[in-house]
Amino acid sequence: MNLGFMIQTGPYTFENIDTAYNLIKAAIKKGHSCSLFLYMDGSYNINKNIKPSGDRNIGEMMEELTSLGVEVVGCGVCMQYRGIKKSMIVSGATRGGLPRFGEMVKNSDRYISIGF
């Protein structure tokens, strides 16, 4: 089964990215494939320059997902509006637009949107 996720919230404000991360890891462990689209403030989650002190490192968590074969895509327009340059995103993640998001949803057997 292919599971698609979209996160609309930024890191450390809500635990939505943690929920998606844990669901994705559990799904992969069961043999499913997953994709993750980061939209609006969710695009902050792939910024490798965020270095929390004494807290979980969400950038490293996203990099871990890409290393497990998860397609992690940040909305390019959302990133542009938030000053996130291509050089700032974690290894393995890419930028894409809403057409790419549409493809991800179309290719998903189940789609989960986590937002506000």
PDB file of N, CA and C in Angstrom:
ATOM      1  N   MET A   1       0.840  -1.182   0.000  1.00  0.00           N
ATOM      2  CA  MET A   1       0.000   0.000   0.000  1.00  0.00           C
ATOM      3  C   MET A   1       0.882   1.241   0.000  1.00  0.00           C
ATOM      4  N   ASN A   2       0.467   2.237  -0.742  1.00  0.00           N
ATOM      5  CA  ASN A   2       1.189   3.503  -0.793  1.00  0.00           C
ATOM      6  C   ASN A   2       0.404   4.546   0.000  1.00  0.00           C
ATOM      7  N   LEU A   3       1.033   5.094   1.025  1.00  0.00           N
ATOM      8  CA  LEU A   3       0.405   6.105   1.870  1.00  0.00           C
ATOM      9  C   LEU A   3       0.977   7.479   1.556  1.00  0.00           C
ATOM     10  N   GLY A   4       0.114   8.446   1.371  1.00  0.00           N
ATOM     11  CA  GLY A   4       0.533   9.823   1.126  1.00  0.00           C
ATOM     12  C   GLY A   4       0.173  10.695   2.314  1.00  0.00           C
ATOM     13  N   PHE A   5       1.087  11.568   2.682  1.00  0.00           N
ATOM     14  CA  PHE A   5       0.881  12.474   3.813  1.00  0.00           C
ATOM     15  C   PHE A   5       1.128  13.909   3.369  1.00  0.00           C
ATOM     16  N   MET A   6       0.360  14.834   3.947  1.00  0.00           N
ATOM     17  CA  MET A   6       0.650  16.254   3.780  1.00  0.00           C
ATOM     18  C   MET A   6       0.653  16.890   5.171  1.00  0.00           C
ATOM     19  N   ILE A   7       1.681  17.673   5.435  1.00  0.00           N
ATOM     20  CA  ILE A   7       1.788  18.423   6.688  1.00  0.00           C
ATOM     21  C   ILE A   7       1.721  19.909   6.347  1.00  0.00           C
ATOM     22  N   GLN A   8       0.867  20.646   7.064  1.00  0.00           N
ATOM     23  CA  GLN A   8       0.688  22.072   6.812  1.00  0.00           C
ATOM     24  C   GLN A   8       1.233  22.954   7.928  1.00  0.00           C
ATOM     25  N   THR A   9       1.766  22.348   8.975  1.00  0.00           N
ATOM     26  CA  THR A   9       2.226  23.129  10.121  1.00  0.00           C
ATOM     27  C   THR A   9       3.738  23.010  10.284  1.00  0.00           C
ATOM     28  N   GLY A  10       4.313  24.037  10.870  1.00  0.00           N
ATOM     29  CA  GLY A  10       5.752  24.097  11.052  1.00  0.00           C
ATOM     30  C   GLY A  10       6.248  23.257  12.218  1.00  0.00           C
ATOM     31  N   PRO A  11       7.556  23.152  12.322  1.00  0.00           N
ATOM     32  CA  PRO A  11       8.153  22.367  13.404  1.00  0.00           C
ATOM     33  C   PRO A  11       8.054  23.087  14.745  1.00  0.00           C
ATOM     34  N   TYR A  12       7.964  22.309  15.797  1.00  0.00           N
ATOM     35  CA  TYR A  12       8.034  22.777  17.183  1.00  0.00           C
ATOM     36  C   TYR A  12       6.839  23.612  17.632  1.00  0.00           C
ATOM     37  N   THR A  13       5.877  23.900  16.763  1.00  0.00           N
ATOM     38  CA  THR A  13       4.676  24.621  17.165  1.00  0.00           C
ATOM     39  C   THR A  13       3.590  23.611  17.540  1.00  0.00           C
ATOM     40  N   PHE A  14       3.418  22.650  16.668  1.00  0.00           N
ATOM     41  CA  PHE A  14       2.509  21.526  16.891  1.00  0.00           C
ATOM     42  C   PHE A  14       3.347  20.257  16.758  1.00  0.00           C
ATOM     43  N   GLU A  15       2.793  19.138  17.124  1.00  0.00           N
ATOM     44  CA  GLU A  15       3.514  17.879  16.980  1.00  0.00           C
ATOM     45  C   GLU A  15       3.037  17.106  15.753  1.00  0.00           C
ATOM     46  N   ASN A  16       2.495  17.817  14.779  1.00  0.00           N
ATOM     47  CA  ASN A  16       1.970  17.170  13.583  1.00  0.00           C
ATOM     48  C   ASN A  16       3.055  16.444  12.798  1.00  0.00           C
ATOM     49  N   ILE A  17       4.232  17.041  12.690  1.00  0.00           N
ATOM     50  CA  ILE A  17       5.306  16.391  11.951  1.00  0.00           C
ATOM     51  C   ILE A  17       5.758  15.127  12.683  1.00  0.00           C
ATOM     52  N   ASP A  18       5.701  15.151  14.016  1.00  0.00           N
ATOM     53  CA  ASP A  18       6.048  13.962  14.803  1.00  0.00           C
ATOM     54  C   ASP A  18       5.043  12.842  14.551  1.00  0.00           C
ATOM     55  N   THR A  19       3.769  13.206  14.462  1.00  0.00           N
ATOM     56  CA  THR A  19       2.728  12.216  14.184  1.00  0.00           C
ATOM     57  C   THR A  19       2.970  11.570  12.828  1.00  0.00           C
ATOM     58  N   ALA A  20       3.206  12.389  11.806  1.00  0.00           N
ATOM     59  CA  ALA A  20       3.467  11.860  10.465  1.00  0.00           C
ATOM     60  C   ALA A  20       4.726  10.994  10.471  1.00  0.00           C
ATOM     61  N   TYR A  21       5.778  11.464  11.104  1.00  0.00           N
ATOM     62  CA  TYR A  21       7.044  10.723  11.176  1.00  0.00           C
ATOM     63  C   TYR A  21       6.815   9.329  11.770  1.00  0.00           C
ATOM     64  N   ASN A  22       6.110   9.272  12.894  1.00  0.00           N
ATOM     65  CA  ASN A  22       5.877   7.982  13.551  1.00  0.00           C
ATOM     66  C   ASN A  22       4.962   7.075  12.733  1.00  0.00           C
ATOM     67  N   LEU A  23       3.933   7.634  12.105  1.00  0.00           N
ATOM     68  CA  LEU A  23       3.061   6.834  11.243  1.00  0.00           C
ATOM     69  C   LEU A  23       3.827   6.289  10.040  1.00  0.00           C
ATOM     70  N   ILE A  24       4.651   7.140   9.435  1.00  0.00           N
ATOM     71  CA  ILE A  24       5.431   6.726   8.268  1.00  0.00           C
ATOM     72  C   ILE A  24       6.414   5.615   8.646  1.00  0.00           C
ATOM     73  N   LYS A  25       7.113   5.785   9.756  1.00  0.00           N
ATOM     74  CA  LYS A  25       8.068   4.748  10.174  1.00  0.00           C
ATOM     75  C   LYS A  25       7.360   3.430  10.452  1.00  0.00           C
ATOM     76  N   ALA A  26       6.181   3.483  11.078  1.00  0.00           N
ATOM     77  CA  ALA A  26       5.426   2.261  11.357  1.00  0.00           C
ATOM     78  C   ALA A  26       4.952   1.615  10.055  1.00  0.00           C
ATOM     79  N   ALA A  27       4.512   2.434   9.101  1.00  0.00           N
ATOM     80  CA  ALA A  27       4.048   1.910   7.815  1.00  0.00           C
ATOM     81  C   ALA A  27       5.188   1.253   7.045  1.00  0.00           C
ATOM     82  N   ILE A  28       6.346   1.881   7.046  1.00  0.00           N
ATOM     83  CA  ILE A  28       7.501   1.314   6.354  1.00  0.00           C
ATOM     84  C   ILE A  28       7.896  -0.023   6.991  1.00  0.00           C
ATOM     85  N   LYS A  29       7.838  -0.074   8.302  1.00  0.00           N
ATOM     86  CA  LYS A  29       8.163  -1.319   9.011  1.00  0.00           C
ATOM     87  C   LYS A  29       7.220  -2.453   8.597  1.00  0.00           C
ATOM     88  N   LYS A  30       5.977  -2.096   8.248  1.00  0.00           N
ATOM     89  CA  LYS A  30       4.986  -3.086   7.804  1.00  0.00           C
ATOM     90  C   LYS A  30       5.088  -3.376   6.306  1.00  0.00           C
ATOM     91  N   GLY A  31       6.030  -2.714   5.607  1.00  0.00           N
ATOM     92  CA  GLY A  31       6.245  -2.981   4.199  1.00  0.00           C
ATOM     93  C   GLY A  31       5.535  -2.045   3.236  1.00  0.00           C
ATOM     94  N   HIS A  32       4.935  -0.978   3.740  1.00  0.00           N
ATOM     95  CA  HIS A  32       4.248  -0.010   2.882  1.00  0.00           C
ATOM     96  C   HIS A  32       5.228   1.050   2.380  1.00  0.00           C
ATOM     97  N   SER A  33       4.864   1.719   1.313  1.00  0.00           N
ATOM     98  CA  SER A  33       5.663   2.854   0.835  1.00  0.00           C
ATOM     99  C   SER A  33       4.916   4.141   1.192  1.00  0.00           C
ATOM    100  N   CYS A  34       5.675   5.217   1.362  1.00  0.00           N
ATOM    101  CA  CYS A  34       5.082   6.481   1.809  1.00  0.00           C
ATOM    102  C   CYS A  34       5.686   7.665   1.063  1.00  0.00           C
ATOM    103  N   SER A  35       4.891   8.709   0.977  1.00  0.00           N
ATOM    104  CA  SER A  35       5.368   9.994   0.472  1.00  0.00           C
ATOM    105  C   SER A  35       4.869  11.085   1.410  1.00  0.00           C
ATOM    106  N   LEU A  36       5.598  12.190   1.441  1.00  0.00           N
ATOM    107  CA  LEU A  36       5.282  13.290   2.353  1.00  0.00           C
ATOM    108  C   LEU A  36       5.416  14.611   1.617  1.00  0.00           C
ATOM    109  N   PHE A  37       4.327  15.377   1.584  1.00  0.00           N
ATOM    110  CA  PHE A  37       4.339  16.705   0.974  1.00  0.00           C
ATOM    111  C   PHE A  37       4.223  17.732   2.087  1.00  0.00           C
ATOM    112  N   LEU A  38       5.127  18.693   2.096  1.00  0.00           N
ATOM    113  CA  LEU A  38       5.171  19.729   3.127  1.00  0.00           C
ATOM    114  C   LEU A  38       4.662  21.034   2.528  1.00  0.00           C
ATOM    115  N   TYR A  39       3.532  21.499   3.033  1.00  0.00           N
ATOM    116  CA  TYR A  39       2.805  22.632   2.451  1.00  0.00           C
ATOM    117  C   TYR A  39       2.692  23.768   3.462  1.00  0.00           C
ATOM    118  N   MET A  40       2.624  24.978   2.986  1.00  0.00           N
ATOM    119  CA  MET A  40       2.541  26.189   3.807  1.00  0.00           C
ATOM    120  C   MET A  40       3.683  26.171   4.837  1.00  0.00           C
ATOM    121  N   ASP A  41       3.376  26.394   6.122  1.00  0.00           N
ATOM    122  CA  ASP A  41       4.439  26.393   7.133  1.00  0.00           C
ATOM    123  C   ASP A  41       5.089  25.024   7.304  1.00  0.00           C
ATOM    124  N   GLY A  42       4.454  23.981   6.789  1.00  0.00           N
ATOM    125  CA  GLY A  42       5.050  22.647   6.832  1.00  0.00           C
ATOM    126  C   GLY A  42       6.375  22.585   6.102  1.00  0.00           C
ATOM    127  N   SER A  43       6.574  23.505   5.153  1.00  0.00           N
ATOM    128  CA  SER A  43       7.832  23.515   4.397  1.00  0.00           C
ATOM    129  C   SER A  43       9.045  23.806   5.288  1.00  0.00           C
ATOM    130  N   TYR A  44       8.829  24.416   6.432  1.00  0.00           N
ATOM    131  CA  TYR A  44       9.941  24.658   7.363  1.00  0.00           C
ATOM    132  C   TYR A  44      10.550  23.355   7.883  1.00  0.00           C
ATOM    133  N   ASN A  45       9.809  22.273   7.842  1.00  0.00           N
ATOM    134  CA  ASN A  45      10.271  21.015   8.424  1.00  0.00           C
ATOM    135  C   ASN A  45      11.471  20.404   7.715  1.00  0.00           C
ATOM    136  N   ILE A  46      11.787  20.824   6.499  1.00  0.00           N
ATOM    137  CA  ILE A  46      12.955  20.256   5.812  1.00  0.00           C
ATOM    138  C   ILE A  46      14.148  21.211   5.800  1.00  0.00           C
ATOM    139  N   ASN A  47      14.092  22.238   6.625  1.00  0.00           N
ATOM    140  CA  ASN A  47      15.195  23.182   6.730  1.00  0.00           C
ATOM    141  C   ASN A  47      16.298  22.573   7.597  1.00  0.00           C
ATOM    142  N   LYS A  48      17.425  22.255   6.979  1.00  0.00           N
ATOM    143  CA  LYS A  48      18.522  21.618   7.717  1.00  0.00           C
ATOM    144  C   LYS A  48      19.257  22.585   8.639  1.00  0.00           C
ATOM    145  N   ASN A  49      18.968  23.871   8.535  1.00  0.00           N
ATOM    146  CA  ASN A  49      19.664  24.865   9.357  1.00  0.00           C
ATOM    147  C   ASN A  49      19.033  25.076  10.727  1.00  0.00           C
ATOM    148  N   ILE A  50      17.891  24.470  10.979  1.00  0.00           N
ATOM    149  CA  ILE A  50      17.278  24.571  12.301  1.00  0.00           C
ATOM    150  C   ILE A  50      17.998  23.595  13.217  1.00  0.00           C
ATOM    151  N   LYS A  51      18.640  24.121  14.239  1.00  0.00           N
ATOM    152  CA  LYS A  51      19.427  23.297  15.160  1.00  0.00           C
ATOM    153  C   LYS A  51      18.915  23.505  16.585  1.00  0.00           C
ATOM    154  N   PRO A  52      17.932  22.723  17.002  1.00  0.00           N
ATOM    155  CA  PRO A  52      17.393  22.884  18.350  1.00  0.00           C
ATOM    156  C   PRO A  52      18.389  22.411  19.406  1.00  0.00           C
ATOM    157  N   SER A  53      18.362  23.062  20.519  1.00  0.00           N
ATOM    158  CA  SER A  53      19.241  22.680  21.621  1.00  0.00           C
ATOM    159  C   SER A  53      18.430  21.864  22.627  1.00  0.00           C
ATOM    160  N   GLY A  54      18.795  20.619  22.806  1.00  0.00           N
ATOM    161  CA  GLY A  54      18.130  19.777  23.791  1.00  0.00           C
ATOM    162  C   GLY A  54      16.759  19.277  23.365  1.00  0.00           C
ATOM    163  N   ASP A  55      16.425  19.361  22.107  1.00  0.00           N
ATOM    164  CA  ASP A  55      15.131  18.901  21.610  1.00  0.00           C
ATOM    165  C   ASP A  55      15.373  18.014  20.393  1.00  0.00           C
ATOM    166  N   ARG A  56      14.357  17.348  19.927  1.00  0.00           N
ATOM    167  CA  ARG A  56      14.510  16.517  18.732  1.00  0.00           C
ATOM    168  C   ARG A  56      14.850  17.396  17.538  1.00  0.00           C
ATOM    169  N   ASN A  57      15.622  16.854  16.611  1.00  0.00           N
ATOM    170  CA  ASN A  57      16.023  17.594  15.422  1.00  0.00           C
ATOM    171  C   ASN A  57      15.153  17.118  14.260  1.00  0.00           C
ATOM    172  N   ILE A  58      14.162  17.917  13.926  1.00  0.00           N
ATOM    173  CA  ILE A  58      13.193  17.527  12.907  1.00  0.00           C
ATOM    174  C   ILE A  58      13.857  17.417  11.534  1.00  0.00           C
ATOM    175  N   GLY A  59      14.839  18.257  11.247  1.00  0.00           N
ATOM    176  CA  GLY A  59      15.569  18.130   9.987  1.00  0.00           C
ATOM    177  C   GLY A  59      16.212  16.765   9.853  1.00  0.00           C
ATOM    178  N   GLU A  60      16.826  16.292  10.916  1.00  0.00           N
ATOM    179  CA  GLU A  60      17.439  14.960  10.902  1.00  0.00           C
ATOM    180  C   GLU A  60      16.375  13.871  10.769  1.00  0.00           C
ATOM    181  N   MET A  61      15.214  14.083  11.366  1.00  0.00           N
ATOM    182  CA  MET A  61      14.123  13.118  11.235  1.00  0.00           C
ATOM    183  C   MET A  61      13.661  13.028   9.777  1.00  0.00           C
ATOM    184  N   MET A  62      13.584  14.176   9.107  1.00  0.00           N
ATOM    185  CA  MET A  62      13.178  14.182   7.695  1.00  0.00           C
ATOM    186  C   MET A  62      14.234  13.510   6.826  1.00  0.00           C
ATOM    187  N   GLU A  63      15.497  13.752   7.160  1.00  0.00           N
ATOM    188  CA  GLU A  63      16.586  13.111   6.431  1.00  0.00           C
ATOM    189  C   GLU A  63      16.549  11.593   6.620  1.00  0.00           C
ATOM    190  N   GLU A  64      16.198  11.164   7.809  1.00  0.00           N
ATOM    191  CA  GLU A  64      16.061   9.728   8.069  1.00  0.00           C
ATOM    192  C   GLU A  64      14.970   9.125   7.180  1.00  0.00           C
ATOM    193  N   LEU A  65      13.847   9.843   7.052  1.00  0.00           N
ATOM    194  CA  LEU A  65      12.763   9.333   6.207  1.00  0.00           C
ATOM    195  C   LEU A  65      13.214   9.201   4.754  1.00  0.00           C
ATOM    196  N   THR A  66      13.949  10.189   4.254  1.00  0.00           N
ATOM    197  CA  THR A  66      14.414  10.104   2.864  1.00  0.00           C
ATOM    198  C   THR A  66      15.366   8.922   2.702  1.00  0.00           C
ATOM    199  N   SER A  67      16.179   8.653   3.721  1.00  0.00           N
ATOM    200  CA  SER A  67      17.106   7.520   3.635  1.00  0.00           C
ATOM    201  C   SER A  67      16.371   6.180   3.644  1.00  0.00           C
ATOM    202  N   LEU A  68      15.141   6.180   4.138  1.00  0.00           N
ATOM    203  CA  LEU A  68      14.317   4.966   4.154  1.00  0.00           C
ATOM    204  C   LEU A  68      13.486   4.825   2.880  1.00  0.00           C
ATOM    205  N   GLY A  69      13.674   5.764   1.949  1.00  0.00           N
ATOM    206  CA  GLY A  69      12.967   5.688   0.672  1.00  0.00           C
ATOM    207  C   GLY A  69      11.691   6.503   0.592  1.00  0.00           C
ATOM    208  N   VAL A  70      11.414   7.291   1.605  1.00  0.00           N
ATOM    209  CA  VAL A  70      10.218   8.143   1.586  1.00  0.00           C
ATOM    210  C   VAL A  70      10.482   9.335   0.674  1.00  0.00           C
ATOM    211  N   GLU A  71       9.553   9.603  -0.213  1.00  0.00           N
ATOM    212  CA  GLU A  71       9.649  10.798  -1.056  1.00  0.00           C
ATOM    213  C   GLU A  71       9.175  11.988  -0.220  1.00  0.00           C
ATOM    214  N   VAL A  72      10.086  12.895   0.097  1.00  0.00           N
ATOM    215  CA  VAL A  72       9.769  14.083   0.881  1.00  0.00           C
ATOM    216  C   VAL A  72       9.890  15.292  -0.039  1.00  0.00           C
ATOM    217  N   VAL A  73       8.774  16.000  -0.217  1.00  0.00           N
ATOM    218  CA  VAL A  73       8.717  17.134  -1.144  1.00  0.00           C
ATOM    219  C   VAL A  73       8.196  18.357  -0.410  1.00  0.00           C
ATOM    220  N   GLY A  74       8.939  19.450  -0.499  1.00  0.00           N
ATOM    221  CA  GLY A  74       8.491  20.723   0.038  1.00  0.00           C
ATOM    222  C   GLY A  74       7.885  21.565  -1.070  1.00  0.00           C
ATOM    223  N   CYS A  75       6.797  22.244  -0.780  1.00  0.00           N
ATOM    224  CA  CYS A  75       6.161  23.114  -1.765  1.00  0.00           C
ATOM    225  C   CYS A  75       7.125  24.250  -2.121  1.00  0.00           C
ATOM    226  N   GLY A  76       7.492  24.327  -3.393  1.00  0.00           N
ATOM    227  CA  GLY A  76       8.461  25.322  -3.837  1.00  0.00           C
ATOM    228  C   GLY A  76       8.022  26.755  -3.608  1.00  0.00           C
ATOM    229  N   VAL A  77       6.771  27.073  -3.885  1.00  0.00           N
ATOM    230  CA  VAL A  77       6.261  28.438  -3.676  1.00  0.00           C
ATOM    231  C   VAL A  77       6.225  28.751  -2.184  1.00  0.00           C
ATOM    232  N   CYS A  78       5.785  27.795  -1.379  1.00  0.00           N
ATOM    233  CA  CYS A  78       5.754  27.995   0.076  1.00  0.00           C
ATOM    234  C   CYS A  78       7.155  28.262   0.617  1.00  0.00           C
ATOM    235  N   MET A  79       8.124  27.523   0.090  1.00  0.00           N
ATOM    236  CA  MET A  79       9.506  27.700   0.523  1.00  0.00           C
ATOM    237  C   MET A  79      10.027  29.069   0.105  1.00  0.00           C
ATOM    238  N   GLN A  80       9.699  29.484  -1.098  1.00  0.00           N
ATOM    239  CA  GLN A  80      10.131  30.790  -1.591  1.00  0.00           C
ATOM    240  C   GLN A  80       9.585  31.908  -0.701  1.00  0.00           C
ATOM    241  N   TYR A  81       8.308  31.838  -0.357  1.00  0.00           N
ATOM    242  CA  TYR A  81       7.690  32.855   0.497  1.00  0.00           C
ATOM    243  C   TYR A  81       8.302  32.897   1.887  1.00  0.00           C
ATOM    244  N   ARG A  82       8.879  31.784   2.316  1.00  0.00           N
ATOM    245  CA  ARG A  82       9.444  31.696   3.660  1.00  0.00           C
ATOM    246  C   ARG A  82      10.967  31.801   3.680  1.00  0.00           C
ATOM    247  N   GLY A  83      11.558  32.089   2.531  1.00  0.00           N
ATOM    248  CA  GLY A  83      13.000  32.298   2.462  1.00  0.00           C
ATOM    249  C   GLY A  83      13.828  31.031   2.550  1.00  0.00           C
ATOM    250  N   ILE A  84      13.229  29.899   2.255  1.00  0.00           N
ATOM    251  CA  ILE A  84      13.953  28.632   2.313  1.00  0.00           C
ATOM    252  C   ILE A  84      14.510  28.333   0.926  1.00  0.00           C
ATOM    253  N   LYS A  85      15.807  28.422   0.811  1.00  0.00           N
ATOM    254  CA  LYS A  85      16.475  28.167  -0.464  1.00  0.00           C
ATOM    255  C   LYS A  85      16.739  26.679  -0.641  1.00  0.00           C
ATOM    256  N   LYS A  86      16.924  26.273  -1.898  1.00  0.00           N
ATOM    257  CA  LYS A  86      17.175  24.864  -2.198  1.00  0.00           C
ATOM    258  C   LYS A  86      18.378  24.338  -1.414  1.00  0.00           C
ATOM    259  N   SER A  87      19.373  25.174  -1.211  1.00  0.00           N
ATOM    260  CA  SER A  87      20.582  24.759  -0.486  1.00  0.00           C
ATOM    261  C   SER A  87      20.322  24.516   1.007  1.00  0.00           C
ATOM    262  N   MET A  88      19.159  24.932   1.489  1.00  0.00           N
ATOM    263  CA  MET A  88      18.841  24.809   2.909  1.00  0.00           C
ATOM    264  C   MET A  88      18.066  23.539   3.252  1.00  0.00           C
ATOM    265  N   ILE A  89      17.666  22.756   2.237  1.00  0.00           N
ATOM    266  CA  ILE A  89      16.824  21.603   2.540  1.00  0.00           C
ATOM    267  C   ILE A  89      17.667  20.361   2.815  1.00  0.00           C
ATOM    268  N   VAL A  90      17.095  19.473   3.606  1.00  0.00           N
ATOM    269  CA  VAL A  90      17.813  18.271   4.019  1.00  0.00           C
ATOM    270  C   VAL A  90      18.118  17.380   2.822  1.00  0.00           C
ATOM    271  N   SER A  91      19.132  16.583   2.983  1.00  0.00           N
ATOM    272  CA  SER A  91      19.558  15.649   1.940  1.00  0.00           C
ATOM    273  C   SER A  91      18.426  14.680   1.599  1.00  0.00           C
ATOM    274  N   GLY A  92      18.193  14.522   0.312  1.00  0.00           N
ATOM    275  CA  GLY A  92      17.180  13.592  -0.157  1.00  0.00           C
ATOM    276  C   GLY A  92      15.817  14.196  -0.404  1.00  0.00           C
ATOM    277  N   ALA A  93      15.547  15.358   0.165  1.00  0.00           N
ATOM    278  CA  ALA A  93      14.262  16.025  -0.054  1.00  0.00           C
ATOM    279  C   ALA A  93      14.335  16.865  -1.330  1.00  0.00           C
ATOM    280  N   THR A  94      13.184  17.155  -1.901  1.00  0.00           N
ATOM    281  CA  THR A  94      13.129  17.956  -3.118  1.00  0.00           C
ATOM    282  C   THR A  94      12.065  19.036  -2.986  1.00  0.00           C
ATOM    283  N   ARG A  95      12.096  19.959  -3.950  1.00  0.00           N
ATOM    284  CA  ARG A  95      11.057  20.987  -4.060  1.00  0.00           C
ATOM    285  C   ARG A  95      10.097  20.563  -5.157  1.00  0.00           C
ATOM    286  N   GLY A  96       8.833  20.901  -4.978  1.00  0.00           N
ATOM    287  CA  GLY A  96       7.840  20.597  -5.996  1.00  0.00           C
ATOM    288  C   GLY A  96       6.625  21.477  -5.801  1.00  0.00           C
ATOM    289  N   GLY A  97       5.810  21.538  -6.798  1.00  0.00           N
ATOM    290  CA  GLY A  97       4.618  22.369  -6.722  1.00  0.00           C
ATOM    291  C   GLY A  97       3.360  21.554  -6.506  1.00  0.00           C
ATOM    292  N   LEU A  98       2.231  22.230  -6.637  1.00  0.00           N
ATOM    293  CA  LEU A  98       0.963  21.542  -6.452  1.00  0.00           C
ATOM    294  C   LEU A  98       0.713  20.459  -7.499  1.00  0.00           C
ATOM    295  N   PRO A  99       1.218  20.606  -8.747  1.00  0.00           N
ATOM    296  CA  PRO A  99       1.076  19.474  -9.666  1.00  0.00           C
ATOM    297  C   PRO A  99       1.769  18.213  -9.141  1.00  0.00           C
ATOM    298  N   ARG A 100       2.935  18.386  -8.538  1.00  0.00           N
ATOM    299  CA  ARG A 100       3.646  17.236  -7.948  1.00  0.00           C
ATOM    300  C   ARG A 100       2.828  16.658  -6.794  1.00  0.00           C
ATOM    301  N   PHE A 101       2.244  17.536  -5.986  1.00  0.00           N
ATOM    302  CA  PHE A 101       1.392  17.079  -4.891  1.00  0.00           C
ATOM    303  C   PHE A 101       0.207  16.275  -5.438  1.00  0.00           C
ATOM    304  N   GLY A 102      -0.407  16.756  -6.521  1.00  0.00           N
ATOM    305  CA  GLY A 102      -1.512  16.035  -7.139  1.00  0.00           C
ATOM    306  C   GLY A 102      -1.114  14.640  -7.570  1.00  0.00           C
ATOM    307  N   GLU A 103       0.080  14.504  -8.129  1.00  0.00           N
ATOM    308  CA  GLU A 103       0.591  13.187  -8.520  1.00  0.00           C
ATOM    309  C   GLU A 103       0.757  12.289  -7.300  1.00  0.00           C
ATOM    310  N   MET A 104       1.259  12.881  -6.208  1.00  0.00           N
ATOM    311  CA  MET A 104       1.465  12.099  -4.994  1.00  0.00           C
ATOM    312  C   MET A 104       0.129  11.574  -4.460  1.00  0.00           C
ATOM    313  N   VAL A 105      -0.897  12.423  -4.477  1.00  0.00           N
ATOM    314  CA  VAL A 105      -2.217  11.997  -4.001  1.00  0.00           C
ATOM    315  C   VAL A 105      -2.785  10.926  -4.935  1.00  0.00           C
ATOM    316  N   LYS A 106      -2.662  11.155  -6.234  1.00  0.00           N
ATOM    317  CA  LYS A 106      -3.184  10.195  -7.220  1.00  0.00           C
ATOM    318  C   LYS A 106      -2.539   8.820  -7.048  1.00  0.00           C
ATOM    319  N   ASN A 107      -1.256   8.798  -6.729  1.00  0.00           N
ATOM    320  CA  ASN A 107      -0.523   7.545  -6.582  1.00  0.00           C
ATOM    321  C   ASN A 107      -0.677   6.906  -5.205  1.00  0.00           C
ATOM    322  N   SER A 108      -1.406   7.559  -4.309  1.00  0.00           N
ATOM    323  CA  SER A 108      -1.588   7.043  -2.949  1.00  0.00           C
ATOM    324  C   SER A 108      -2.855   6.207  -2.854  1.00  0.00           C
ATOM    325  N   ASP A 109      -2.740   5.094  -2.156  1.00  0.00           N
ATOM    326  CA  ASP A 109      -3.934   4.305  -1.849  1.00  0.00           C
ATOM    327  C   ASP A 109      -4.727   4.962  -0.722  1.00  0.00           C
ATOM    328  N   ARG A 110      -4.019   5.581   0.177  1.00  0.00           N
ATOM    329  CA  ARG A 110      -4.623   6.344   1.281  1.00  0.00           C
ATOM    330  C   ARG A 110      -3.845   7.643   1.418  1.00  0.00           C
ATOM    331  N   TYR A 111      -4.569   8.723   1.701  1.00  0.00           N
ATOM    332  CA  TYR A 111      -3.959  10.042   1.828  1.00  0.00           C
ATOM    333  C   TYR A 111      -4.378  10.644   3.162  1.00  0.00           C
ATOM    334  N   ILE A 112      -3.413  11.161   3.887  1.00  0.00           N
ATOM    335  CA  ILE A 112      -3.662  11.738   5.204  1.00  0.00           C
ATOM    336  C   ILE A 112      -3.139  13.170   5.225  1.00  0.00           C
ATOM    337  N   SER A 113      -4.021  14.110   5.529  1.00  0.00           N
ATOM    338  CA  SER A 113      -3.643  15.521   5.640  1.00  0.00           C
ATOM    339  C   SER A 113      -3.665  15.919   7.101  1.00  0.00           C
ATOM    340  N   ILE A 114      -2.565  16.469   7.569  1.00  0.00           N
ATOM    341  CA  ILE A 114      -2.459  16.898   8.956  1.00  0.00           C
ATOM    342  C   ILE A 114      -2.177  18.386   8.959  1.00  0.00           C
ATOM    343  N   GLY A 115      -3.106  19.156   9.512  1.00  0.00           N
ATOM    344  CA  GLY A 115      -2.970  20.615   9.500  1.00  0.00           C
ATOM    345  C   GLY A 115      -3.406  21.242  10.794  1.00  0.00           C
ATOM    346  N   PHE A 116      -3.994  22.391  10.660  1.00  0.00           N
ATOM    347  CA  PHE A 116      -4.386  23.179  11.829  1.00  0.00           C
ATOM    348  C   PHE A 116      -5.605  22.643  12.518  1.00  0.00           C
TER     349      PHE A 116
END
